[in-house]
Every structure is written in structure tokens, then in C-alpha cells.
Amino acid sequence: MEDAALLAAMREHAYLEGEFTLRSGKTSKYYLDKYRFETRPELLEALGARLAAKIAEVEPDAVRIAGPELGAVALAAAASIASRLPFLIVRGEAKEYGTANRIEGAFEAGERVVLVEDVVTSGGAAADAVRAVRQAALECRTAICVIDREEGGVDSLARLGVRLHPLFRAVDIARAR
């Protein structure tokens, strides 16, 4: 799927207008509903391929992909299939039963992972995931998101020494036809 067609499909299925409160607490006149593009197989497949290509381009030494629950798990799985890199799931909090893990999946301390995110606004959720990955003794210096709303996420991650690489910016979705 070409970029123009992917952007148009994402706009059609996931771009909502109205009054929305974002995770950051800010209000917005539009919302990019990640579940509306992540649950469509043709869009998820195209995004997985683009994420895999971006990982190879900007973090070729990565040996795993990390995806924060819930929103980025499908994206991490799609990128994993396309790249053949195994993926990890980053829980919001460690579970209180079984293994009590916050990071799900097999890994070795010191491995380099690339964080995959869906929509980044202020970068708070991505920064939390980076901290969790690092607490598990994994190295993370790169994050890739599907859409950057360009509202501080790049700076938030830069303060942690992480570079954010978006596939698209919110303005790309807004302008798509």
C-alpha cells in the first residue's frame, strides 16, 4: 500500500473530530483512534512492514521490539512478523500473580530493543515504557511511532536519551484525501 493510500485509509477509519481529552490531560478538537487502524488487517499489515523497515534503517542493532500494552501490542506483533525480530510486551504495571513481570517475553539483560508506539502526544506513555525496559536491564535509545502529534513527545523522549522516529505526523493524516 502506497503512503498516500495508507494515510487516506487511516484518516477515513481513525481520524475523529469533536472535543476529546487526551492521555496528557490536554483537550483536542481531533482524535486519532489507534484501535480503528490497528484492528484493520490491511492497515496493520502495511504499518508492520513500515515499522520493520524503519527499525532496520534507524536501529539496525536492535534484537527485539518492545510494545507498551495495550495500544502498541498489535503493532509490535506486526513489526515482529515483518522484521523477524521477537517482541516484548511492556505492561503498565507488573502483574500481581504468576511471574509478576512487567516485561513479558524472553530476553537477556543488555539487549538492545526498539520501542514501538502508536500515537505519541506528550510522550508520557512512551517515556514510562522506556523506563520500564531500562529497569529490566535492556538498552533502549530509539522509539518509532506510527503518528506523532508533535506536542512535546520528541523532547520528552530526548530527555531520556531516546530519539523518536515517526512514520507519519498528525498533519499528514489531517491533510490526507
N, C-alpha and C. Protein backbone atom coordinates (compact mmCIF):
# COMPACT_ATOMS: atom_id res chain seq x y z
N MET A 1 0.85 -1.18 0.00
CA MET A 1 0.00 0.00 0.00
C MET A 1 0.89 1.24 0.00
N GLU A 2 0.66 2.13 -0.92
CA GLU A 2 1.43 3.38 -1.01
C GLU A 2 1.10 4.28 0.19
N ASP A 3 2.03 5.18 0.52
CA ASP A 3 1.84 6.09 1.65
C ASP A 3 0.55 6.88 1.54
N ALA A 4 0.26 7.42 0.35
CA ALA A 4 -0.95 8.24 0.19
C ALA A 4 -2.21 7.43 0.47
N ALA A 5 -2.24 6.20 0.00
CA ALA A 5 -3.41 5.34 0.23
C ALA A 5 -3.51 4.96 1.71
N LEU A 6 -2.38 4.68 2.35
CA LEU A 6 -2.38 4.34 3.77
C LEU A 6 -2.85 5.53 4.61
N LEU A 7 -2.33 6.70 4.31
CA LEU A 7 -2.76 7.90 5.05
C LEU A 7 -4.25 8.15 4.86
N ALA A 8 -4.73 8.02 3.64
CA ALA A 8 -6.16 8.23 3.37
C ALA A 8 -7.01 7.22 4.13
N ALA A 9 -6.58 5.97 4.17
CA ALA A 9 -7.33 4.93 4.90
C ALA A 9 -7.30 5.18 6.40
N MET A 10 -6.16 5.61 6.91
CA MET A 10 -6.08 5.91 8.34
C MET A 10 -6.97 7.10 8.68
N ARG A 11 -7.00 8.10 7.82
CA ARG A 11 -7.89 9.24 8.06
C ARG A 11 -9.34 8.78 8.05
N GLU A 12 -9.69 7.99 7.06
CA GLU A 12 -11.07 7.52 6.94
C GLU A 12 -11.51 6.73 8.16
N HIS A 13 -10.66 5.88 8.66
CA HIS A 13 -11.05 4.97 9.73
C HIS A 13 -10.73 5.44 11.14
N ALA A 14 -9.76 6.35 11.30
CA ALA A 14 -9.29 6.64 12.65
C ALA A 14 -9.27 8.11 13.04
N TYR A 15 -9.51 9.01 12.12
CA TYR A 15 -9.46 10.45 12.43
C TYR A 15 -10.85 10.92 12.82
N LEU A 16 -11.00 11.32 14.07
CA LEU A 16 -12.29 11.75 14.59
C LEU A 16 -12.22 13.22 14.98
N GLU A 17 -13.28 13.96 14.69
CA GLU A 17 -13.35 15.36 15.08
C GLU A 17 -14.39 15.54 16.17
N GLY A 18 -14.14 16.48 17.10
CA GLY A 18 -15.04 16.73 18.22
C GLY A 18 -14.24 17.31 19.37
N GLU A 19 -14.71 17.08 20.60
CA GLU A 19 -14.00 17.50 21.81
C GLU A 19 -13.48 16.25 22.49
N PHE A 20 -12.16 16.16 22.64
CA PHE A 20 -11.55 14.97 23.22
C PHE A 20 -10.54 15.36 24.29
N THR A 21 -10.49 14.58 25.36
CA THR A 21 -9.46 14.73 26.37
C THR A 21 -8.41 13.66 26.09
N LEU A 22 -7.17 14.09 25.96
CA LEU A 22 -6.08 13.17 25.65
C LEU A 22 -5.47 12.62 26.93
N ARG A 23 -4.65 11.58 26.81
CA ARG A 23 -3.99 10.98 27.97
C ARG A 23 -3.20 12.02 28.76
N SER A 24 -2.64 13.00 28.03
CA SER A 24 -1.84 14.06 28.66
C SER A 24 -2.69 15.01 29.50
N GLY A 25 -4.03 14.92 29.35
CA GLY A 25 -4.93 15.83 30.04
C GLY A 25 -5.35 17.02 29.19
N LYS A 26 -4.64 17.24 28.09
CA LYS A 26 -4.99 18.32 27.18
C LYS A 26 -6.28 17.98 26.45
N THR A 27 -6.96 19.01 25.98
CA THR A 27 -8.13 18.77 25.14
C THR A 27 -7.74 19.02 23.69
N SER A 28 -8.45 18.35 22.79
CA SER A 28 -8.16 18.45 21.38
C SER A 28 -9.44 18.42 20.57
N LYS A 29 -9.42 19.07 19.43
CA LYS A 29 -10.57 19.07 18.52
C LYS A 29 -10.55 17.86 17.59
N TYR A 30 -9.48 17.04 17.67
CA TYR A 30 -9.44 15.81 16.88
C TYR A 30 -8.80 14.70 17.71
N TYR A 31 -9.09 13.49 17.31
CA TYR A 31 -8.56 12.31 18.00
C TYR A 31 -8.17 11.28 16.95
N LEU A 32 -7.02 10.68 17.13
CA LEU A 32 -6.58 9.60 16.25
C LEU A 32 -6.79 8.29 17.00
N ASP A 33 -7.86 7.59 16.66
CA ASP A 33 -8.23 6.37 17.37
C ASP A 33 -7.40 5.20 16.84
N LYS A 34 -6.33 4.90 17.57
CA LYS A 34 -5.39 3.86 17.15
C LYS A 34 -6.06 2.51 16.96
N TYR A 35 -7.07 2.22 17.74
CA TYR A 35 -7.71 0.91 17.62
C TYR A 35 -8.45 0.78 16.29
N ARG A 36 -8.84 1.90 15.74
CA ARG A 36 -9.54 1.85 14.45
C ARG A 36 -8.60 1.60 13.29
N PHE A 37 -7.31 1.86 13.46
CA PHE A 37 -6.40 1.46 12.38
C PHE A 37 -5.64 0.18 12.73
N GLU A 38 -5.44 -0.10 14.00
CA GLU A 38 -4.71 -1.30 14.39
C GLU A 38 -5.53 -2.57 14.23
N THR A 39 -6.84 -2.45 14.20
CA THR A 39 -7.69 -3.65 14.12
C THR A 39 -8.12 -3.97 12.69
N ARG A 40 -7.65 -3.22 11.73
CA ARG A 40 -7.93 -3.48 10.31
C ARG A 40 -6.72 -4.20 9.72
N PRO A 41 -6.87 -5.44 9.30
CA PRO A 41 -5.71 -6.24 8.87
C PRO A 41 -4.87 -5.59 7.78
N GLU A 42 -5.51 -4.96 6.80
CA GLU A 42 -4.74 -4.37 5.70
C GLU A 42 -3.91 -3.18 6.18
N LEU A 43 -4.42 -2.43 7.15
CA LEU A 43 -3.66 -1.30 7.70
C LEU A 43 -2.57 -1.79 8.64
N LEU A 44 -2.90 -2.76 9.47
CA LEU A 44 -1.92 -3.32 10.40
C LEU A 44 -0.76 -3.96 9.64
N GLU A 45 -1.05 -4.66 8.58
CA GLU A 45 0.00 -5.28 7.77
C GLU A 45 0.91 -4.21 7.16
N ALA A 46 0.32 -3.17 6.59
CA ALA A 46 1.11 -2.10 5.98
C ALA A 46 1.95 -1.38 7.04
N LEU A 47 1.38 -1.13 8.20
CA LEU A 47 2.12 -0.46 9.27
C LEU A 47 3.25 -1.35 9.80
N GLY A 48 2.97 -2.64 9.94
CA GLY A 48 4.01 -3.57 10.39
C GLY A 48 5.21 -3.57 9.45
N ALA A 49 4.94 -3.55 8.14
CA ALA A 49 6.03 -3.51 7.16
C ALA A 49 6.82 -2.21 7.27
N ARG A 50 6.12 -1.09 7.44
CA ARG A 50 6.81 0.20 7.56
C ARG A 50 7.62 0.29 8.86
N LEU A 51 7.05 -0.23 9.94
CA LEU A 51 7.79 -0.23 11.21
C LEU A 51 9.05 -1.09 11.09
N ALA A 52 8.93 -2.26 10.48
CA ALA A 52 10.09 -3.14 10.30
C ALA A 52 11.17 -2.45 9.47
N ALA A 53 10.77 -1.78 8.40
CA ALA A 53 11.73 -1.06 7.56
C ALA A 53 12.39 0.06 8.33
N LYS A 54 11.62 0.78 9.13
CA LYS A 54 12.17 1.89 9.91
C LYS A 54 13.14 1.37 10.98
N ILE A 55 12.81 0.25 11.61
CA ILE A 55 13.71 -0.36 12.59
C ILE A 55 15.05 -0.69 11.92
N ALA A 56 15.00 -1.32 10.75
CA ALA A 56 16.22 -1.68 10.03
C ALA A 56 17.03 -0.44 9.67
N GLU A 57 16.34 0.64 9.37
CA GLU A 57 17.01 1.89 8.97
C GLU A 57 17.66 2.61 10.14
N VAL A 58 16.92 2.79 11.24
CA VAL A 58 17.39 3.67 12.32
C VAL A 58 17.98 2.94 13.52
N GLU A 59 17.71 1.65 13.67
CA GLU A 59 18.25 0.89 14.81
C GLU A 59 18.57 -0.54 14.36
N PRO A 60 19.52 -0.68 13.41
CA PRO A 60 19.82 -2.00 12.86
C PRO A 60 20.40 -2.98 13.87
N ASP A 61 20.88 -2.49 15.01
CA ASP A 61 21.44 -3.38 16.02
C ASP A 61 20.40 -3.89 17.01
N ALA A 62 19.15 -3.48 16.85
CA ALA A 62 18.10 -3.96 17.76
C ALA A 62 17.92 -5.47 17.58
N VAL A 63 17.72 -6.14 18.70
CA VAL A 63 17.46 -7.58 18.64
C VAL A 63 16.04 -7.93 19.07
N ARG A 64 15.32 -6.92 19.59
CA ARG A 64 13.93 -7.12 20.00
C ARG A 64 13.17 -5.81 19.81
N ILE A 65 11.86 -5.97 19.73
CA ILE A 65 10.93 -4.85 19.66
C ILE A 65 10.17 -4.85 20.97
N ALA A 66 9.90 -3.68 21.53
CA ALA A 66 9.10 -3.58 22.75
C ALA A 66 7.85 -2.76 22.42
N GLY A 67 6.70 -3.27 22.81
CA GLY A 67 5.44 -2.57 22.58
C GLY A 67 4.66 -2.42 23.87
N PRO A 68 4.36 -1.19 24.29
CA PRO A 68 3.56 -0.98 25.50
C PRO A 68 2.14 -1.48 25.33
N GLU A 69 1.61 -2.08 26.41
CA GLU A 69 0.22 -2.50 26.36
C GLU A 69 -0.67 -1.28 26.43
N LEU A 70 -1.77 -1.30 25.99
CA LEU A 70 -2.47 -2.21 25.12
C LEU A 70 -2.32 -1.78 23.68
N GLY A 71 -2.20 -0.49 23.49
CA GLY A 71 -2.26 0.06 22.15
C GLY A 71 -1.18 -0.37 21.19
N ALA A 72 0.04 -0.61 21.65
CA ALA A 72 1.11 -0.91 20.71
C ALA A 72 1.41 -2.39 20.55
N VAL A 73 0.69 -3.25 21.24
CA VAL A 73 0.98 -4.68 21.17
C VAL A 73 0.74 -5.22 19.76
N ALA A 74 -0.37 -4.86 19.15
CA ALA A 74 -0.65 -5.35 17.79
C ALA A 74 0.40 -4.82 16.82
N LEU A 75 0.82 -3.58 16.99
CA LEU A 75 1.85 -3.00 16.13
C LEU A 75 3.18 -3.72 16.31
N ALA A 76 3.55 -3.98 17.56
CA ALA A 76 4.80 -4.70 17.83
C ALA A 76 4.75 -6.10 17.22
N ALA A 77 3.61 -6.77 17.32
CA ALA A 77 3.47 -8.10 16.73
C ALA A 77 3.59 -8.04 15.21
N ALA A 78 2.94 -7.06 14.59
CA ALA A 78 3.02 -6.92 13.13
C ALA A 78 4.45 -6.61 12.69
N ALA A 79 5.13 -5.72 13.42
CA ALA A 79 6.52 -5.40 13.10
C ALA A 79 7.43 -6.60 13.33
N SER A 80 7.13 -7.40 14.34
CA SER A 80 7.89 -8.60 14.63
C SER A 80 7.77 -9.60 13.48
N ILE A 81 6.58 -9.80 13.00
CA ILE A 81 6.37 -10.72 11.87
C ILE A 81 7.11 -10.23 10.64
N ALA A 82 7.02 -8.93 10.37
CA ALA A 82 7.65 -8.37 9.17
C ALA A 82 9.18 -8.35 9.27
N SER A 83 9.70 -8.11 10.47
CA SER A 83 11.16 -7.98 10.66
C SER A 83 11.83 -9.28 11.08
N ARG A 84 11.05 -10.20 11.59
CA ARG A 84 11.55 -11.46 12.16
C ARG A 84 12.28 -11.23 13.48
N LEU A 85 12.10 -10.05 14.09
CA LEU A 85 12.65 -9.78 15.42
C LEU A 85 11.59 -10.15 16.45
N PRO A 86 11.97 -10.85 17.52
CA PRO A 86 10.99 -11.13 18.57
C PRO A 86 10.57 -9.84 19.26
N PHE A 87 9.39 -9.90 19.90
CA PHE A 87 8.92 -8.70 20.58
C PHE A 87 8.59 -8.97 22.03
N LEU A 88 8.59 -7.88 22.79
CA LEU A 88 8.25 -7.89 24.20
C LEU A 88 7.03 -7.03 24.41
N ILE A 89 6.26 -7.36 25.42
CA ILE A 89 5.11 -6.54 25.81
C ILE A 89 5.47 -5.84 27.11
N VAL A 90 5.31 -4.53 27.11
CA VAL A 90 5.60 -3.73 28.30
C VAL A 90 4.28 -3.44 29.00
N ARG A 91 4.09 -4.05 30.16
CA ARG A 91 2.88 -3.80 30.94
C ARG A 91 2.94 -2.42 31.58
N GLY A 92 1.76 -1.85 31.82
CA GLY A 92 1.69 -0.60 32.55
C GLY A 92 2.20 -0.75 33.97
N GLU A 93 1.95 -1.89 34.55
CA GLU A 93 2.42 -2.23 35.90
C GLU A 93 2.70 -3.72 35.93
N ALA A 94 3.59 -4.13 36.81
CA ALA A 94 3.87 -5.56 36.95
C ALA A 94 2.59 -6.26 37.40
N LYS A 95 2.36 -7.43 36.84
CA LYS A 95 1.18 -8.17 37.27
C LYS A 95 1.42 -8.70 38.69
N GLU A 96 0.34 -8.95 39.40
CA GLU A 96 0.46 -9.35 40.81
C GLU A 96 0.33 -10.84 41.01
N TYR A 97 0.48 -11.61 39.96
CA TYR A 97 0.34 -13.06 40.05
C TYR A 97 1.34 -13.71 39.12
N GLY A 98 1.46 -15.01 39.20
CA GLY A 98 2.36 -15.75 38.31
C GLY A 98 3.78 -15.26 38.43
N THR A 99 4.36 -14.84 37.32
CA THR A 99 5.75 -14.39 37.30
C THR A 99 5.95 -12.97 37.80
N ALA A 100 4.87 -12.21 37.96
CA ALA A 100 4.91 -10.82 38.42
C ALA A 100 5.79 -9.94 37.52
N ASN A 101 5.81 -10.25 36.24
CA ASN A 101 6.64 -9.49 35.29
C ASN A 101 5.96 -8.20 34.84
N ARG A 102 6.78 -7.22 34.57
CA ARG A 102 6.30 -6.02 33.88
C ARG A 102 6.63 -6.10 32.40
N ILE A 103 7.72 -6.80 32.08
CA ILE A 103 8.11 -7.03 30.69
C ILE A 103 7.83 -8.49 30.38
N GLU A 104 6.96 -8.71 29.40
CA GLU A 104 6.57 -10.08 29.03
C GLU A 104 7.30 -10.51 27.77
N GLY A 105 7.83 -11.71 27.80
CA GLY A 105 8.58 -12.26 26.69
C GLY A 105 10.01 -12.55 27.13
N ALA A 106 10.69 -13.40 26.39
CA ALA A 106 12.05 -13.79 26.75
C ALA A 106 13.05 -12.75 26.27
N PHE A 107 14.05 -12.48 27.11
CA PHE A 107 15.11 -11.55 26.75
C PHE A 107 16.30 -11.79 27.65
N GLU A 108 17.45 -11.21 27.24
CA GLU A 108 18.68 -11.26 28.02
C GLU A 108 19.06 -9.85 28.41
N ALA A 109 19.53 -9.66 29.61
CA ALA A 109 19.99 -8.34 30.05
C ALA A 109 21.02 -7.79 29.07
N GLY A 110 20.93 -6.50 28.82
CA GLY A 110 21.87 -5.83 27.94
C GLY A 110 21.47 -5.79 26.47
N GLU A 111 20.43 -6.51 26.10
CA GLU A 111 20.00 -6.50 24.70
C GLU A 111 19.44 -5.13 24.33
N ARG A 112 19.62 -4.78 23.06
CA ARG A 112 19.08 -3.52 22.55
C ARG A 112 17.70 -3.76 21.98
N VAL A 113 16.75 -2.95 22.45
CA VAL A 113 15.38 -3.03 21.95
C VAL A 113 14.99 -1.69 21.35
N VAL A 114 14.05 -1.72 20.45
CA VAL A 114 13.47 -0.50 19.90
C VAL A 114 12.02 -0.47 20.36
N LEU A 115 11.60 0.67 20.88
CA LEU A 115 10.23 0.82 21.34
C LEU A 115 9.33 1.19 20.17
N VAL A 116 8.21 0.52 20.05
CA VAL A 116 7.21 0.83 19.02
C VAL A 116 5.99 1.40 19.74
N GLU A 117 5.51 2.54 19.27
CA GLU A 117 4.33 3.18 19.84
C GLU A 117 3.32 3.48 18.76
N ASP A 118 2.10 3.73 19.17
CA ASP A 118 1.04 4.05 18.23
C ASP A 118 1.00 5.55 17.98
N VAL A 119 0.33 6.30 18.83
CA VAL A 119 0.22 7.75 18.70
C VAL A 119 0.96 8.39 19.87
N VAL A 120 1.89 9.28 19.57
CA VAL A 120 2.64 9.98 20.61
C VAL A 120 2.19 11.44 20.64
N THR A 121 1.79 11.88 21.84
CA THR A 121 1.40 13.28 22.03
C THR A 121 2.50 13.94 22.86
N SER A 122 2.40 13.86 24.16
CA SER A 122 3.42 14.45 25.03
C SER A 122 4.59 13.51 25.28
N GLY A 123 4.41 12.25 24.96
CA GLY A 123 5.47 11.27 25.15
C GLY A 123 5.48 10.60 26.51
N GLY A 124 4.50 10.90 27.35
CA GLY A 124 4.49 10.34 28.70
C GLY A 124 4.42 8.82 28.75
N ALA A 125 3.54 8.23 27.97
CA ALA A 125 3.41 6.77 27.98
C ALA A 125 4.66 6.11 27.41
N ALA A 126 5.20 6.69 26.34
CA ALA A 126 6.43 6.13 25.76
C ALA A 126 7.59 6.24 26.74
N ALA A 127 7.70 7.37 27.43
CA ALA A 127 8.77 7.55 28.42
C ALA A 127 8.63 6.53 29.55
N ASP A 128 7.41 6.29 30.01
CA ASP A 128 7.19 5.27 31.05
C ASP A 128 7.65 3.90 30.57
N ALA A 129 7.34 3.57 29.32
CA ALA A 129 7.74 2.27 28.77
C ALA A 129 9.26 2.17 28.65
N VAL A 130 9.91 3.25 28.24
CA VAL A 130 11.38 3.25 28.15
C VAL A 130 11.98 3.00 29.53
N ARG A 131 11.46 3.67 30.55
CA ARG A 131 11.97 3.47 31.91
C ARG A 131 11.78 2.02 32.36
N ALA A 132 10.64 1.43 32.03
CA ALA A 132 10.38 0.03 32.41
C ALA A 132 11.35 -0.91 31.71
N VAL A 133 11.60 -0.67 30.44
CA VAL A 133 12.53 -1.51 29.68
C VAL A 133 13.93 -1.39 30.26
N ARG A 134 14.32 -0.19 30.60
CA ARG A 134 15.65 0.02 31.18
C ARG A 134 15.77 -0.59 32.57
N GLN A 135 14.68 -0.56 33.34
CA GLN A 135 14.71 -1.20 34.66
C GLN A 135 14.90 -2.70 34.55
N ALA A 136 14.54 -3.25 33.40
CA ALA A 136 14.72 -4.68 33.15
C ALA A 136 16.11 -4.97 32.56
N ALA A 137 16.99 -3.98 32.61
CA ALA A 137 18.38 -4.09 32.14
C ALA A 137 18.49 -4.24 30.63
N LEU A 138 17.54 -3.68 29.92
CA LEU A 138 17.59 -3.66 28.46
C LEU A 138 18.00 -2.27 28.00
N GLU A 139 18.63 -2.18 26.85
CA GLU A 139 19.04 -0.89 26.30
C GLU A 139 17.98 -0.41 25.32
N CYS A 140 17.57 0.84 25.46
CA CYS A 140 16.60 1.44 24.53
C CYS A 140 17.01 2.87 24.28
N ARG A 141 17.35 3.16 23.03
CA ARG A 141 17.73 4.51 22.65
C ARG A 141 16.91 5.03 21.47
N THR A 142 15.97 4.20 20.99
CA THR A 142 15.19 4.56 19.82
C THR A 142 13.73 4.16 20.02
N ALA A 143 12.84 5.06 19.63
CA ALA A 143 11.41 4.78 19.61
C ALA A 143 10.88 5.13 18.23
N ILE A 144 9.94 4.33 17.77
CA ILE A 144 9.29 4.58 16.48
C ILE A 144 7.80 4.60 16.75
N CYS A 145 7.13 5.64 16.28
CA CYS A 145 5.69 5.71 16.44
C CYS A 145 5.02 5.78 15.08
N VAL A 146 3.77 5.37 15.04
CA VAL A 146 3.00 5.48 13.81
C VAL A 146 2.69 6.95 13.54
N ILE A 147 2.20 7.65 14.57
CA ILE A 147 1.81 9.05 14.39
C ILE A 147 2.35 9.89 15.55
N ASP A 148 3.03 10.97 15.19
CA ASP A 148 3.48 11.96 16.17
C ASP A 148 2.55 13.17 16.08
N ARG A 149 1.88 13.48 17.17
CA ARG A 149 1.01 14.66 17.20
C ARG A 149 1.81 15.95 17.32
N GLU A 150 3.12 15.83 17.50
CA GLU A 150 4.02 16.98 17.59
C GLU A 150 3.63 17.93 18.71
N GLU A 151 3.40 17.34 19.89
CA GLU A 151 3.02 18.13 21.06
C GLU A 151 3.95 17.86 22.23
N GLY A 152 5.23 17.64 21.94
CA GLY A 152 6.22 17.50 23.01
C GLY A 152 6.82 16.13 23.17
N GLY A 153 6.34 15.14 22.46
CA GLY A 153 6.86 13.79 22.61
C GLY A 153 8.32 13.64 22.26
N VAL A 154 8.76 14.30 21.19
CA VAL A 154 10.16 14.23 20.79
C VAL A 154 11.05 14.73 21.92
N ASP A 155 10.70 15.87 22.52
CA ASP A 155 11.50 16.44 23.60
C ASP A 155 11.46 15.58 24.86
N SER A 156 10.28 15.05 25.18
CA SER A 156 10.14 14.20 26.36
C SER A 156 11.06 12.98 26.27
N LEU A 157 11.09 12.36 25.12
CA LEU A 157 11.94 11.18 24.94
C LEU A 157 13.41 11.57 24.84
N ALA A 158 13.70 12.71 24.24
CA ALA A 158 15.09 13.17 24.13
C ALA A 158 15.71 13.36 25.51
N ARG A 159 14.91 13.80 26.47
CA ARG A 159 15.42 13.97 27.84
C ARG A 159 15.87 12.64 28.44
N LEU A 160 15.38 11.54 27.88
CA LEU A 160 15.80 10.20 28.33
C LEU A 160 16.89 9.62 27.43
N GLY A 161 17.34 10.41 26.47
CA GLY A 161 18.35 9.91 25.54
C GLY A 161 17.77 8.99 24.48
N VAL A 162 16.49 9.17 24.17
CA VAL A 162 15.81 8.34 23.18
C VAL A 162 15.39 9.22 22.02
N ARG A 163 15.66 8.76 20.82
CA ARG A 163 15.26 9.50 19.62
C ARG A 163 13.97 8.91 19.07
N LEU A 164 12.99 9.78 18.83
CA LEU A 164 11.69 9.36 18.30
C LEU A 164 11.68 9.54 16.79
N HIS A 165 11.28 8.48 16.10
CA HIS A 165 11.16 8.49 14.64
C HIS A 165 9.71 8.18 14.29
N PRO A 166 8.95 9.17 13.85
CA PRO A 166 7.56 8.89 13.46
C PRO A 166 7.47 8.39 12.02
N LEU A 167 6.52 7.50 11.76
CA LEU A 167 6.22 7.14 10.38
C LEU A 167 5.47 8.29 9.72
N PHE A 168 4.54 8.89 10.49
CA PHE A 168 3.72 9.99 9.99
C PHE A 168 3.53 11.01 11.11
N ARG A 169 3.11 12.19 10.72
CA ARG A 169 2.74 13.23 11.68
C ARG A 169 1.24 13.45 11.58
N ALA A 170 0.67 13.97 12.63
CA ALA A 170 -0.79 14.18 12.65
C ALA A 170 -1.23 15.03 11.47
N VAL A 171 -0.42 16.02 11.11
CA VAL A 171 -0.78 16.88 9.99
C VAL A 171 -0.88 16.08 8.69
N ASP A 172 -0.10 15.01 8.54
CA ASP A 172 -0.18 14.15 7.34
C ASP A 172 -1.54 13.48 7.26
N ILE A 173 -2.03 13.03 8.42
CA ILE A 173 -3.34 12.36 8.46
C ILE A 173 -4.44 13.38 8.19
N ALA A 174 -4.33 14.56 8.80
CA ALA A 174 -5.35 15.59 8.63
C ALA A 174 -5.48 16.04 7.18
N ARG A 175 -4.37 16.05 6.47
CA ARG A 175 -4.37 16.52 5.07
C ARG A 175 -4.69 15.41 4.07
N ALA A 176 -4.67 14.17 4.50
CA ALA A 176 -4.86 13.04 3.58
C ALA A 176 -6.23 13.07 2.96
N ARG A 177 -6.28 12.66 1.73
CA ARG A 177 -7.57 12.58 0.99
C ARG A 177 -7.63 11.30 0.24
